[in-house]
Amino acid sequence: MKAVLCSQFCGPDDLVLTDIPDPVAGPGEAVIAIKSAALNFFDLLMIQGKYQVKPPFPFSPAAEIAGVIESVGAGVTDLKPGDRVAASIGHNGAREKVAVATTQIVKIPDNLDFDRAAGVIVIYGTALHALQDRADPKPGETLAVFGAAGGTGLAACELGKVLGLKVIACASSDEKLAFAKQHGAELTINYAKEDLKEALKRIGGDKGIDIVFDPVGGSFAEAGVRASAWKGRFLVIGFAGGEIPKIPLNLALLKGCDIRGVFWGAYMKRDPKDGRANLEKLMQWAADGKISSHVDRTFPLAQTTDALKVLAGRQAMGKVILHP
């Protein structure tokens, strides 16, 4: 079968498309014939050796997959060949087939296509865990989303609306903000045109912002904490801006606010039952049209390098999908 392999820490241009043996399902596993594999920004960091997870070489990028069960291993009774499924596998999605533990697999509704199913897992899983499980949201509260047109940011905008929050999209261009407004945002801030801290203060008023969702990091983080309401919640999602910020802790004292970490991957390992229930809920919401799982563009497996460059250039609004 074909696979895109990273054999040493490298950039997208150094990935190699090659043939590797077909996988065999072990006990408690199923082999999935991959129809769609979704890429994320952390795939770039992973192949460069800059991510907290460093798989053994050689590995393939792409953590999210959707496809059809081809075979099952010993002891598997809840899945059968032909079932339409999706899974979060951490890496190795940029290939034609993969063997996956059945505990990582969820079935997908018949009316949900493979591209959107693959794109739901990480970004919506992260956003739902952040907003539902970590933020303790109350209907009508304000939610400021940084990087609102990116994958996780867009998911937060949509899920914020589903959860009854007043969503404030923050992004670097009017085009991105218009896109976020189509996906649940009520108000917008262009932080390329105005100071983010002042804009949040203007919108939040004396009360401040109840929930800040930050997948960007860098200088934006401190602005978000400074804009937080009394008993506000600042959600640390990631550092797509490249810089891990250092927050003056006196701000948390003065605001009486919480700085809450959101590590979806660890949550899925530590609390797999609730994590799986969240994914099943999201798949149904996607099938019902409550969330868009918007696909920005698709690429054949042979063009994985080009797909990763779209992410590196911050060009994607929604998901970038590979078709093995």
C-alpha atoms as a PDB file:
ATOM      1  CA  MET A   1       0.000   0.000   0.000  1.00  0.00           C
ATOM      2  CA  LYS A   2       1.018   3.627  -0.436  1.00  0.00           C
ATOM      3  CA  ALA A   3       2.125   5.755   2.501  1.00  0.00           C
ATOM      4  CA  VAL A   4       3.709   9.176   3.014  1.00  0.00           C
ATOM      5  CA  LEU A   5       6.632   8.690   5.391  1.00  0.00           C
ATOM      6  CA  CYS A   6       8.719  10.925   7.612  1.00  0.00           C
ATOM      7  CA  SER A   7      12.004   9.075   8.242  1.00  0.00           C
ATOM      8  CA  GLN A   8      13.814  11.913  10.008  1.00  0.00           C
ATOM      9  CA  PHE A   9      12.798  15.313  11.363  1.00  0.00           C
ATOM     10  CA  CYS A  10      12.232  17.410   8.274  1.00  0.00           C
ATOM     11  CA  GLY A  11      10.049  19.884   6.408  1.00  0.00           C
ATOM     12  CA  PRO A  12       7.121  19.045   4.110  1.00  0.00           C
ATOM     13  CA  ASP A  13       9.362  18.859   1.013  1.00  0.00           C
ATOM     14  CA  ASP A  14      11.344  15.968   2.518  1.00  0.00           C
ATOM     15  CA  LEU A  15       8.398  13.616   3.020  1.00  0.00           C
ATOM     16  CA  VAL A  16       8.451  10.536   0.762  1.00  0.00           C
ATOM     17  CA  LEU A  17       5.580   8.670  -0.891  1.00  0.00           C
ATOM     18  CA  THR A  18       6.460   4.976  -0.914  1.00  0.00           C
ATOM     19  CA  ASP A  19       5.113   1.424  -0.657  1.00  0.00           C
ATOM     20  CA  ILE A  20       4.879  -0.361   2.698  1.00  0.00           C
ATOM     21  CA  PRO A  21       3.302  -3.699   3.703  1.00  0.00           C
ATOM     22  CA  ASP A  22      -0.433  -3.824   4.340  1.00  0.00           C
ATOM     23  CA  PRO A  23      -1.360  -3.806   8.051  1.00  0.00           C
ATOM     24  CA  VAL A  24      -2.842  -6.841   9.789  1.00  0.00           C
ATOM     25  CA  ALA A  25      -5.445  -6.499  12.533  1.00  0.00           C
ATOM     26  CA  GLY A  26      -4.201  -7.812  15.870  1.00  0.00           C
ATOM     27  CA  PRO A  27      -6.422  -8.777  18.814  1.00  0.00           C
ATOM     28  CA  GLY A  28      -8.828  -5.942  19.628  1.00  0.00           C
ATOM     29  CA  GLU A  29      -7.938  -4.105  16.401  1.00  0.00           C
ATOM     30  CA  ALA A  30      -9.545  -3.354  13.054  1.00  0.00           C
ATOM     31  CA  VAL A  31      -7.941  -2.454   9.732  1.00  0.00           C
ATOM     32  CA  ILE A  32      -9.468   0.688   8.241  1.00  0.00           C
ATOM     33  CA  ALA A  33      -9.272   1.405   4.515  1.00  0.00           C
ATOM     34  CA  ILE A  34      -8.790   5.157   4.735  1.00  0.00           C
ATOM     35  CA  LYS A  35     -11.012   7.325   2.552  1.00  0.00           C
ATOM     36  CA  SER A  36     -10.154  10.694   4.149  1.00  0.00           C
ATOM     37  CA  ALA A  37      -7.318  11.821   6.434  1.00  0.00           C
ATOM     38  CA  ALA A  38      -7.395  15.267   8.023  1.00  0.00           C
ATOM     39  CA  LEU A  39      -4.295  17.372   8.630  1.00  0.00           C
ATOM     40  CA  ASN A  40      -3.676  19.781  11.496  1.00  0.00           C
ATOM     41  CA  PHE A  41      -1.046  22.401  12.274  1.00  0.00           C
ATOM     42  CA  PHE A  42       0.585  20.053  14.768  1.00  0.00           C
ATOM     43  CA  ASP A  43       1.415  17.681  11.895  1.00  0.00           C
ATOM     44  CA  LEU A  44       3.940  20.287  10.738  1.00  0.00           C
ATOM     45  CA  LEU A  45       5.415  20.501  14.221  1.00  0.00           C
ATOM     46  CA  MET A  46       5.526  16.708  14.527  1.00  0.00           C
ATOM     47  CA  ILE A  47       7.542  16.107  11.337  1.00  0.00           C
ATOM     48  CA  GLN A  48       9.921  18.890  12.397  1.00  0.00           C
ATOM     49  CA  GLY A  49      10.450  17.405  15.866  1.00  0.00           C
ATOM     50  CA  LYS A  50       8.883  20.442  17.544  1.00  0.00           C
ATOM     51  CA  TYR A  51       5.783  18.739  18.936  1.00  0.00           C
ATOM     52  CA  GLN A  52       5.424  17.222  22.403  1.00  0.00           C
ATOM     53  CA  VAL A  53       4.681  13.831  20.804  1.00  0.00           C
ATOM     54  CA  LYS A  54       7.578  12.306  18.841  1.00  0.00           C
ATOM     55  CA  PRO A  55       6.558   9.036  17.121  1.00  0.00           C
ATOM     56  CA  PRO A  56       9.241   6.490  16.212  1.00  0.00           C
ATOM     57  CA  PHE A  57      10.529   6.734  12.642  1.00  0.00           C
ATOM     58  CA  PRO A  58       9.260   6.167  10.061  1.00  0.00           C
ATOM     59  CA  PHE A  59       5.774   7.559  10.582  1.00  0.00           C
ATOM     60  CA  SER A  60       3.103   9.289   8.536  1.00  0.00           C
ATOM     61  CA  PRO A  61       1.465  12.610   9.427  1.00  0.00           C
ATOM     62  CA  ALA A  62      -2.326  12.972   9.853  1.00  0.00           C
ATOM     63  CA  ALA A  63      -4.029  12.117  13.134  1.00  0.00           C
ATOM     64  CA  GLU A  64      -7.666  11.925  12.000  1.00  0.00           C
ATOM     65  CA  ILE A  65      -9.070   9.368   9.605  1.00  0.00           C
ATOM     66  CA  ALA A  66     -12.399   8.182   8.252  1.00  0.00           C
ATOM     67  CA  GLY A  67     -13.016   5.141   6.128  1.00  0.00           C
ATOM     68  CA  VAL A  68     -14.375   1.616   5.963  1.00  0.00           C
ATOM     69  CA  ILE A  69     -13.542  -1.384   8.130  1.00  0.00           C
ATOM     70  CA  GLU A  70     -11.678  -3.896   5.970  1.00  0.00           C
ATOM     71  CA  SER A  71     -10.980  -6.607   8.562  1.00  0.00           C
ATOM     72  CA  VAL A  72     -11.129  -7.178  12.316  1.00  0.00           C
ATOM     73  CA  GLY A  73      -8.872  -9.016  14.730  1.00  0.00           C
ATOM     74  CA  ALA A  74      -9.581 -11.586  17.407  1.00  0.00           C
ATOM     75  CA  GLY A  75     -12.112 -10.603  20.047  1.00  0.00           C
ATOM     76  CA  VAL A  76     -13.724  -7.793  18.032  1.00  0.00           C
ATOM     77  CA  THR A  77     -17.523  -8.097  18.112  1.00  0.00           C
ATOM     78  CA  ASP A  78     -18.801  -4.499  17.858  1.00  0.00           C
ATOM     79  CA  LEU A  79     -17.376  -3.783  14.390  1.00  0.00           C
ATOM     80  CA  LYS A  80     -17.487  -5.676  11.101  1.00  0.00           C
ATOM     81  CA  PRO A  81     -16.117  -5.279   7.560  1.00  0.00           C
ATOM     82  CA  GLY A  82     -18.002  -2.592   5.677  1.00  0.00           C
ATOM     83  CA  ASP A  83     -18.764  -0.405   8.693  1.00  0.00           C
ATOM     84  CA  ARG A  84     -18.237   3.333   8.097  1.00  0.00           C
ATOM     85  CA  VAL A  85     -16.015   4.669  10.873  1.00  0.00           C
ATOM     86  CA  ALA A  86     -13.705   7.445  12.038  1.00  0.00           C
ATOM     87  CA  ALA A  87     -10.801   7.424  14.475  1.00  0.00           C
ATOM     88  CA  SER A  88      -8.236   9.613  16.160  1.00  0.00           C
ATOM     89  CA  ILE A  89      -4.897   7.796  15.822  1.00  0.00           C
ATOM     90  CA  GLY A  90      -2.279  10.453  16.655  1.00  0.00           C
ATOM     91  CA  HIS A  91      -0.285   9.904  13.440  1.00  0.00           C
ATOM     92  CA  ASN A  92      -0.021   7.495  10.459  1.00  0.00           C
ATOM     93  CA  GLY A  93      -3.184   8.693   8.707  1.00  0.00           C
ATOM     94  CA  ALA A  94      -1.411   9.659   5.460  1.00  0.00           C
ATOM     95  CA  ARG A  95      -1.537   6.141   4.060  1.00  0.00           C
ATOM     96  CA  GLU A  96      -4.054   3.833   2.432  1.00  0.00           C
ATOM     97  CA  LYS A  97      -4.779   1.556   5.401  1.00  0.00           C
ATOM     98  CA  VAL A  98      -4.065   1.416   9.117  1.00  0.00           C
ATOM     99  CA  ALA A  99      -4.664  -1.011  12.000  1.00  0.00           C
ATOM    100  CA  VAL A 100      -6.414   0.727  14.906  1.00  0.00           C
ATOM    101  CA  ALA A 101      -7.502  -0.369  18.380  1.00  0.00           C
ATOM    102  CA  THR A 102     -11.295  -0.555  18.347  1.00  0.00           C
ATOM    103  CA  THR A 103     -11.453   1.595  21.487  1.00  0.00           C
ATOM    104  CA  GLN A 104     -10.335   4.519  19.293  1.00  0.00           C
ATOM    105  CA  ILE A 105     -12.988   3.963  16.629  1.00  0.00           C
ATOM    106  CA  VAL A 106     -16.474   5.468  16.384  1.00  0.00           C
ATOM    107  CA  LYS A 107     -19.102   4.667  13.791  1.00  0.00           C
ATOM    108  CA  ILE A 108     -20.299   7.539  11.613  1.00  0.00           C
ATOM    109  CA  PRO A 109     -23.880   8.219  10.453  1.00  0.00           C
ATOM    110  CA  ASP A 110     -24.729   7.122   6.921  1.00  0.00           C
ATOM    111  CA  ASN A 111     -25.514  10.708   5.890  1.00  0.00           C
ATOM    112  CA  LEU A 112     -22.110  12.086   6.992  1.00  0.00           C
ATOM    113  CA  ASP A 113     -19.424  12.056   4.296  1.00  0.00           C
ATOM    114  CA  PHE A 114     -15.891  10.842   5.027  1.00  0.00           C
ATOM    115  CA  ASP A 115     -14.218  14.243   4.570  1.00  0.00           C
ATOM    116  CA  ARG A 116     -16.374  15.942   7.183  1.00  0.00           C
ATOM    117  CA  ALA A 117     -16.214  12.948   9.522  1.00  0.00           C
ATOM    118  CA  ALA A 118     -12.408  13.004   9.482  1.00  0.00           C
ATOM    119  CA  GLY A 119     -12.398  16.745  10.084  1.00  0.00           C
ATOM    120  CA  VAL A 120     -14.623  16.587  13.161  1.00  0.00           C
ATOM    121  CA  ILE A 121     -12.355  14.652  15.482  1.00  0.00           C
ATOM    122  CA  VAL A 122      -9.474  16.811  16.687  1.00  0.00           C
ATOM    123  CA  ILE A 123     -10.698  20.367  16.244  1.00  0.00           C
ATOM    124  CA  TYR A 124     -14.288  19.848  17.376  1.00  0.00           C
ATOM    125  CA  GLY A 125     -13.200  17.326  19.982  1.00  0.00           C
ATOM    126  CA  THR A 126     -10.765  19.900  21.375  1.00  0.00           C
ATOM    127  CA  ALA A 127     -13.286  22.741  21.209  1.00  0.00           C
ATOM    128  CA  LEU A 128     -16.087  20.733  22.827  1.00  0.00           C
ATOM    129  CA  HIS A 129     -13.802  19.498  25.613  1.00  0.00           C
ATOM    130  CA  ALA A 130     -12.619  23.085  26.170  1.00  0.00           C
ATOM    131  CA  LEU A 131     -16.023  24.744  26.191  1.00  0.00           C
ATOM    132  CA  GLN A 132     -18.226  22.018  27.665  1.00  0.00           C
ATOM    133  CA  ASP A 133     -15.856  20.267  30.077  1.00  0.00           C
ATOM    134  CA  ARG A 134     -13.344  22.968  31.045  1.00  0.00           C
ATOM    135  CA  ALA A 135     -15.096  26.333  30.710  1.00  0.00           C
ATOM    136  CA  ASP A 136     -18.299  25.659  32.687  1.00  0.00           C
ATOM    137  CA  PRO A 137     -20.293  27.804  30.236  1.00  0.00           C
ATOM    138  CA  LYS A 138     -23.550  29.523  31.067  1.00  0.00           C
ATOM    139  CA  PRO A 139     -25.970  30.577  28.305  1.00  0.00           C
ATOM    140  CA  GLY A 140     -25.521  34.210  27.333  1.00  0.00           C
ATOM    141  CA  GLU A 141     -21.888  34.465  28.465  1.00  0.00           C
ATOM    142  CA  THR A 142     -19.340  36.069  26.151  1.00  0.00           C
ATOM    143  CA  LEU A 143     -16.773  33.885  24.379  1.00  0.00           C
ATOM    144  CA  ALA A 144     -13.780  35.476  22.616  1.00  0.00           C
ATOM    145  CA  VAL A 145     -12.143  33.134  20.097  1.00  0.00           C
ATOM    146  CA  PHE A 146      -8.615  33.925  18.894  1.00  0.00           C
ATOM    147  CA  GLY A 147      -7.598  32.596  15.467  1.00  0.00           C
ATOM    148  CA  ALA A 148     -11.303  32.313  14.756  1.00  0.00           C
ATOM    149  CA  ALA A 149     -11.021  31.255  11.092  1.00  0.00           C
ATOM    150  CA  GLY A 150      -8.531  28.458  11.758  1.00  0.00           C
ATOM    151  CA  GLY A 151      -9.668  24.904  12.327  1.00  0.00           C
ATOM    152  CA  THR A 152      -9.993  24.873  16.113  1.00  0.00           C
ATOM    153  CA  GLY A 153     -11.111  28.510  16.237  1.00  0.00           C
ATOM    154  CA  LEU A 154     -13.885  27.914  13.726  1.00  0.00           C
ATOM    155  CA  ALA A 155     -15.034  24.874  15.711  1.00  0.00           C
ATOM    156  CA  ALA A 156     -15.126  27.002  18.871  1.00  0.00           C
ATOM    157  CA  CYS A 157     -17.268  29.629  17.103  1.00  0.00           C
ATOM    158  CA  GLU A 158     -19.779  27.016  15.981  1.00  0.00           C
ATOM    159  CA  LEU A 159     -19.899  25.139  19.270  1.00  0.00           C
ATOM    160  CA  GLY A 160     -20.093  28.397  21.220  1.00  0.00           C
ATOM    161  CA  LYS A 161     -23.278  29.214  19.352  1.00  0.00           C
ATOM    162  CA  VAL A 162     -24.654  25.692  19.930  1.00  0.00           C
ATOM    163  CA  LEU A 163     -23.968  26.132  23.670  1.00  0.00           C
ATOM    164  CA  GLY A 164     -25.788  29.484  23.750  1.00  0.00           C
ATOM    165  CA  LEU A 165     -22.753  31.771  24.106  1.00  0.00           C
ATOM    166  CA  LYS A 166     -22.235  35.219  22.574  1.00  0.00           C
ATOM    167  CA  VAL A 167     -19.281  34.574  20.261  1.00  0.00           C
ATOM    168  CA  ILE A 168     -16.656  37.231  19.519  1.00  0.00           C
ATOM    169  CA  ALA A 169     -14.430  36.158  16.616  1.00  0.00           C
ATOM    170  CA  CYS A 170     -10.883  37.547  16.613  1.00  0.00           C
ATOM    171  CA  ALA A 171      -8.751  37.138  13.477  1.00  0.00           C
ATOM    172  CA  SER A 172      -6.212  38.890  11.252  1.00  0.00           C
ATOM    173  CA  SER A 173      -8.315  39.830   8.218  1.00  0.00           C
ATOM    174  CA  ASP A 174     -11.810  40.985   7.315  1.00  0.00           C
ATOM    175  CA  GLU A 175     -12.169  37.943   5.032  1.00  0.00           C
ATOM    176  CA  LYS A 176     -11.483  35.568   7.925  1.00  0.00           C
ATOM    177  CA  LEU A 177     -13.884  37.443  10.168  1.00  0.00           C
ATOM    178  CA  ALA A 178     -16.646  37.335   7.566  1.00  0.00           C
ATOM    179  CA  PHE A 179     -16.089  33.584   7.358  1.00  0.00           C
ATOM    180  CA  ALA A 180     -16.308  33.255  11.152  1.00  0.00           C
ATOM    181  CA  LYS A 181     -19.579  35.218  11.170  1.00  0.00           C
ATOM    182  CA  GLN A 182     -21.013  32.641   8.776  1.00  0.00           C
ATOM    183  CA  HIS A 183     -20.158  29.995  11.365  1.00  0.00           C
ATOM    184  CA  GLY A 184     -21.582  31.289  14.613  1.00  0.00           C
ATOM    185  CA  ALA A 185     -19.740  34.499  15.497  1.00  0.00           C
ATOM    186  CA  GLU A 186     -21.887  37.458  16.503  1.00  0.00           C
ATOM    187  CA  LEU A 187     -19.185  40.122  16.902  1.00  0.00           C
ATOM    188  CA  THR A 188     -15.713  40.460  15.366  1.00  0.00           C
ATOM    189  CA  ILE A 189     -12.289  41.951  16.077  1.00  0.00           C
ATOM    190  CA  ASN A 190      -9.617  42.395  13.397  1.00  0.00           C
ATOM    191  CA  TYR A 191      -6.423  42.387  15.463  1.00  0.00           C
ATOM    192  CA  ALA A 192      -4.374  43.405  12.430  1.00  0.00           C
ATOM    193  CA  LYS A 193      -6.249  46.725  12.432  1.00  0.00           C
ATOM    194  CA  GLU A 194      -6.861  47.438  16.116  1.00  0.00           C
ATOM    195  CA  ASP A 195      -5.256  46.617  19.432  1.00  0.00           C
ATOM    196  CA  LEU A 196      -6.710  43.356  20.718  1.00  0.00           C
ATOM    197  CA  LYS A 197      -6.691  44.359  24.394  1.00  0.00           C
ATOM    198  CA  GLU A 198      -8.493  47.637  23.704  1.00  0.00           C
ATOM    199  CA  ALA A 199     -11.000  45.973  21.385  1.00  0.00           C
ATOM    200  CA  LEU A 200     -11.851  43.297  23.966  1.00  0.00           C
ATOM    201  CA  LYS A 201     -12.187  45.995  26.614  1.00  0.00           C
ATOM    202  CA  ARG A 202     -14.523  47.940  24.337  1.00  0.00           C
ATOM    203  CA  ILE A 203     -16.776  44.926  23.792  1.00  0.00           C
ATOM    204  CA  GLY A 204     -16.526  43.481  27.296  1.00  0.00           C
ATOM    205  CA  GLY A 205     -17.115  46.800  29.052  1.00  0.00           C
ATOM    206  CA  ASP A 206     -16.795  46.946  32.819  1.00  0.00           C
ATOM    207  CA  LYS A 207     -17.710  43.271  33.160  1.00  0.00           C
ATOM    208  CA  GLY A 208     -15.050  41.859  30.840  1.00  0.00           C
ATOM    209  CA  ILE A 209     -15.038  38.679  28.737  1.00  0.00           C
ATOM    210  CA  ASP A 210     -16.359  35.526  30.397  1.00  0.00           C
ATOM    211  CA  ILE A 211     -14.450  32.916  28.364  1.00  0.00           C
ATOM    212  CA  VAL A 212     -11.337  33.378  26.210  1.00  0.00           C
ATOM    213  CA  PHE A 213     -10.424  30.540  23.816  1.00  0.00           C
ATOM    214  CA  ASP A 214      -6.765  30.892  22.780  1.00  0.00           C
ATOM    215  CA  PRO A 215      -5.136  28.469  20.312  1.00  0.00           C
ATOM    216  CA  VAL A 216      -2.635  31.154  19.195  1.00  0.00           C
ATOM    217  CA  GLY A 217      -0.546  32.131  22.231  1.00  0.00           C
ATOM    218  CA  GLY A 218       2.167  34.764  21.888  1.00  0.00           C
ATOM    219  CA  SER A 219       1.295  38.340  22.819  1.00  0.00           C
ATOM    220  CA  PHE A 220      -2.431  37.675  22.443  1.00  0.00           C
ATOM    221  CA  ALA A 221      -2.552  35.564  25.595  1.00  0.00           C
ATOM    222  CA  GLU A 222      -1.807  38.361  28.052  1.00  0.00           C
ATOM    223  CA  ALA A 223      -4.315  40.603  26.290  1.00  0.00           C
ATOM    224  CA  GLY A 224      -6.910  37.868  26.740  1.00  0.00           C
ATOM    225  CA  VAL A 225      -6.244  37.467  30.457  1.00  0.00           C
ATOM    226  CA  ARG A 226      -6.315  41.243  30.965  1.00  0.00           C
ATOM    227  CA  ALA A 227      -9.733  41.363  29.275  1.00  0.00           C
ATOM    228  CA  SER A 228     -11.166  38.533  31.397  1.00  0.00           C
ATOM    229  CA  ALA A 229     -14.188  39.095  33.573  1.00  0.00           C
ATOM    230  CA  TRP A 230     -14.275  38.498  37.320  1.00  0.00           C
ATOM    231  CA  LYS A 231     -14.322  34.692  37.597  1.00  0.00           C
ATOM    232  CA  GLY A 232     -13.576  34.525  33.866  1.00  0.00           C
ATOM    233  CA  ARG A 233     -11.965  31.459  32.283  1.00  0.00           C
ATOM    234  CA  PHE A 234      -8.937  31.737  30.007  1.00  0.00           C
ATOM    235  CA  LEU A 235      -8.558  28.508  28.016  1.00  0.00           C
ATOM    236  CA  VAL A 236      -5.030  27.545  26.937  1.00  0.00           C
ATOM    237  CA  ILE A 237      -5.570  25.573  23.721  1.00  0.00           C
ATOM    238  CA  GLY A 238      -2.209  25.799  21.941  1.00  0.00           C
ATOM    239  CA  PHE A 239       0.506  27.994  20.500  1.00  0.00           C
ATOM    240  CA  ALA A 240      -0.039  28.225  16.745  1.00  0.00           C
ATOM    241  CA  GLY A 241       1.673  31.635  16.827  1.00  0.00           C
ATOM    242  CA  GLY A 242       4.886  29.849  17.754  1.00  0.00           C
ATOM    243  CA  GLU A 243       5.617  31.598  21.050  1.00  0.00           C
ATOM    244  CA  ILE A 244       4.661  30.145  24.422  1.00  0.00           C
ATOM    245  CA  PRO A 245       3.614  33.194  26.482  1.00  0.00           C
ATOM    246  CA  LYS A 246       4.568  33.967  30.062  1.00  0.00           C
ATOM    247  CA  ILE A 247       1.516  35.324  31.884  1.00  0.00           C
ATOM    248  CA  PRO A 248       1.995  37.657  34.888  1.00  0.00           C
ATOM    249  CA  LEU A 249       0.163  35.722  37.599  1.00  0.00           C
ATOM    250  CA  ASN A 250      -0.910  38.898  39.379  1.00  0.00           C
ATOM    251  CA  LEU A 251      -3.508  39.240  36.591  1.00  0.00           C
ATOM    252  CA  ALA A 252      -5.197  36.021  37.696  1.00  0.00           C
ATOM    253  CA  LEU A 253      -5.233  37.354  41.266  1.00  0.00           C
ATOM    254  CA  LEU A 254      -6.629  40.760  40.327  1.00  0.00           C
ATOM    255  CA  LYS A 255      -9.274  39.304  38.005  1.00  0.00           C
ATOM    256  CA  GLY A 256     -10.219  36.386  40.220  1.00  0.00           C
ATOM    257  CA  CYS A 257     -10.060  34.462  36.953  1.00  0.00           C
ATOM    258  CA  ASP A 258      -8.936  30.954  36.049  1.00  0.00           C
ATOM    259  CA  ILE A 259      -6.255  29.957  33.546  1.00  0.00           C
ATOM    260  CA  ARG A 260      -7.318  26.482  32.442  1.00  0.00           C
ATOM    261  CA  GLY A 261      -5.282  24.088  30.319  1.00  0.00           C
ATOM    262  CA  VAL A 262      -6.979  22.114  27.558  1.00  0.00           C
ATOM    263  CA  PHE A 263      -5.085  18.978  26.467  1.00  0.00           C
ATOM    264  CA  TRP A 264      -7.561  16.962  24.425  1.00  0.00           C
ATOM    265  CA  GLY A 265      -5.141  14.144  23.608  1.00  0.00           C
ATOM    266  CA  ALA A 266      -4.429  13.458  27.280  1.00  0.00           C
ATOM    267  CA  TYR A 267      -8.148  13.749  28.092  1.00  0.00           C
ATOM    268  CA  MET A 268      -8.936  11.048  25.523  1.00  0.00           C
ATOM    269  CA  LYS A 269      -6.409   8.710  27.144  1.00  0.00           C
ATOM    270  CA  ARG A 270      -7.359   9.483  30.753  1.00  0.00           C
ATOM    271  CA  ASP A 271     -11.135   9.592  30.269  1.00  0.00           C
ATOM    272  CA  PRO A 272     -11.797   7.517  27.124  1.00  0.00           C
ATOM    273  CA  LYS A 273     -15.449   6.774  27.889  1.00  0.00           C
ATOM    274  CA  ASP A 274     -16.456  10.463  28.076  1.00  0.00           C
ATOM    275  CA  GLY A 275     -14.161  11.313  25.173  1.00  0.00           C
ATOM    276  CA  ARG A 276     -15.787   8.708  22.971  1.00  0.00           C
ATOM    277  CA  ALA A 277     -19.251   9.963  23.972  1.00  0.00           C
ATOM    278  CA  ASN A 278     -18.188  13.475  22.948  1.00  0.00           C
ATOM    279  CA  LEU A 279     -17.045  12.207  19.536  1.00  0.00           C
ATOM    280  CA  GLU A 280     -20.283  10.317  18.965  1.00  0.00           C
ATOM    281  CA  LYS A 281     -22.220  13.475  19.873  1.00  0.00           C
ATOM    282  CA  LEU A 282     -20.131  15.541  17.434  1.00  0.00           C
ATOM    283  CA  MET A 283     -20.572  13.058  14.580  1.00  0.00           C
ATOM    284  CA  GLN A 284     -24.340  13.245  15.033  1.00  0.00           C
ATOM    285  CA  TRP A 285     -24.259  17.050  15.234  1.00  0.00           C
ATOM    286  CA  ALA A 286     -22.276  17.123  11.981  1.00  0.00           C
ATOM    287  CA  ALA A 287     -24.736  14.768  10.304  1.00  0.00           C
ATOM    288  CA  ASP A 288     -27.635  16.930  11.554  1.00  0.00           C
ATOM    289  CA  GLY A 289     -26.029  20.139  10.283  1.00  0.00           C
ATOM    290  CA  LYS A 290     -25.563  21.687  13.740  1.00  0.00           C
ATOM    291  CA  ILE A 291     -21.829  22.001  13.016  1.00  0.00           C
ATOM    292  CA  SER A 292     -20.361  22.416   9.563  1.00  0.00           C
ATOM    293  CA  SER A 293     -17.042  20.538   9.800  1.00  0.00           C
ATOM    294  CA  HIS A 294     -16.111  22.818   6.919  1.00  0.00           C
ATOM    295  CA  VAL A 295     -13.548  21.456   4.438  1.00  0.00           C
ATOM    296  CA  ASP A 296     -11.306  24.149   2.977  1.00  0.00           C
ATOM    297  CA  ARG A 297      -9.711  21.955   0.304  1.00  0.00           C
ATOM    298  CA  THR A 298      -8.685  18.372  -0.498  1.00  0.00           C
ATOM    299  CA  PHE A 299      -5.496  16.816  -1.897  1.00  0.00           C
ATOM    300  CA  PRO A 300      -4.536  13.363  -3.194  1.00  0.00           C
ATOM    301  CA  LEU A 301      -2.050  11.493  -1.009  1.00  0.00           C
ATOM    302  CA  ALA A 302       0.768  12.232  -3.478  1.00  0.00           C
ATOM    303  CA  GLN A 303       0.319  15.977  -2.779  1.00  0.00           C
ATOM    304  CA  THR A 304       0.670  15.769   1.019  1.00  0.00           C
ATOM    305  CA  THR A 305       3.581  18.226   0.834  1.00  0.00           C
ATOM    306  CA  ASP A 306       1.358  20.831  -0.858  1.00  0.00           C
ATOM    307  CA  ALA A 307      -1.396  20.239   1.698  1.00  0.00           C
ATOM    308  CA  LEU A 308       0.973  20.816   4.618  1.00  0.00           C
ATOM    309  CA  LYS A 309       2.255  24.017   2.994  1.00  0.00           C
ATOM    310  CA  VAL A 310      -1.306  25.356   2.979  1.00  0.00           C
ATOM    311  CA  LEU A 311      -1.332  24.912   6.763  1.00  0.00           C
ATOM    312  CA  ALA A 312       2.165  26.372   7.129  1.00  0.00           C
ATOM    313  CA  GLY A 313       1.082  29.465   5.194  1.00  0.00           C
ATOM    314  CA  ARG A 314      -2.046  29.962   7.364  1.00  0.00           C
ATOM    315  CA  GLN A 315      -4.115  29.764   4.187  1.00  0.00           C
ATOM    316  CA  ALA A 316      -6.768  27.304   5.355  1.00  0.00           C
ATOM    317  CA  MET A 317     -10.187  28.360   6.609  1.00  0.00           C
ATOM    318  CA  GLY A 318     -11.508  25.021   7.806  1.00  0.00           C
ATOM    319  CA  LYS A 319      -9.991  21.593   7.295  1.00  0.00           C
ATOM    320  CA  VAL A 320      -7.367  20.338   4.846  1.00  0.00           C
ATOM    321  CA  ILE A 321      -8.084  16.745   3.811  1.00  0.00           C
ATOM    322  CA  LEU A 322      -6.002  14.032   2.125  1.00  0.00           C
ATOM    323  CA  HIS A 323      -7.589  11.378  -0.110  1.00  0.00           C
ATOM    324  CA  PRO A 324      -5.532   8.167   0.044  1.00  0.00           C
END
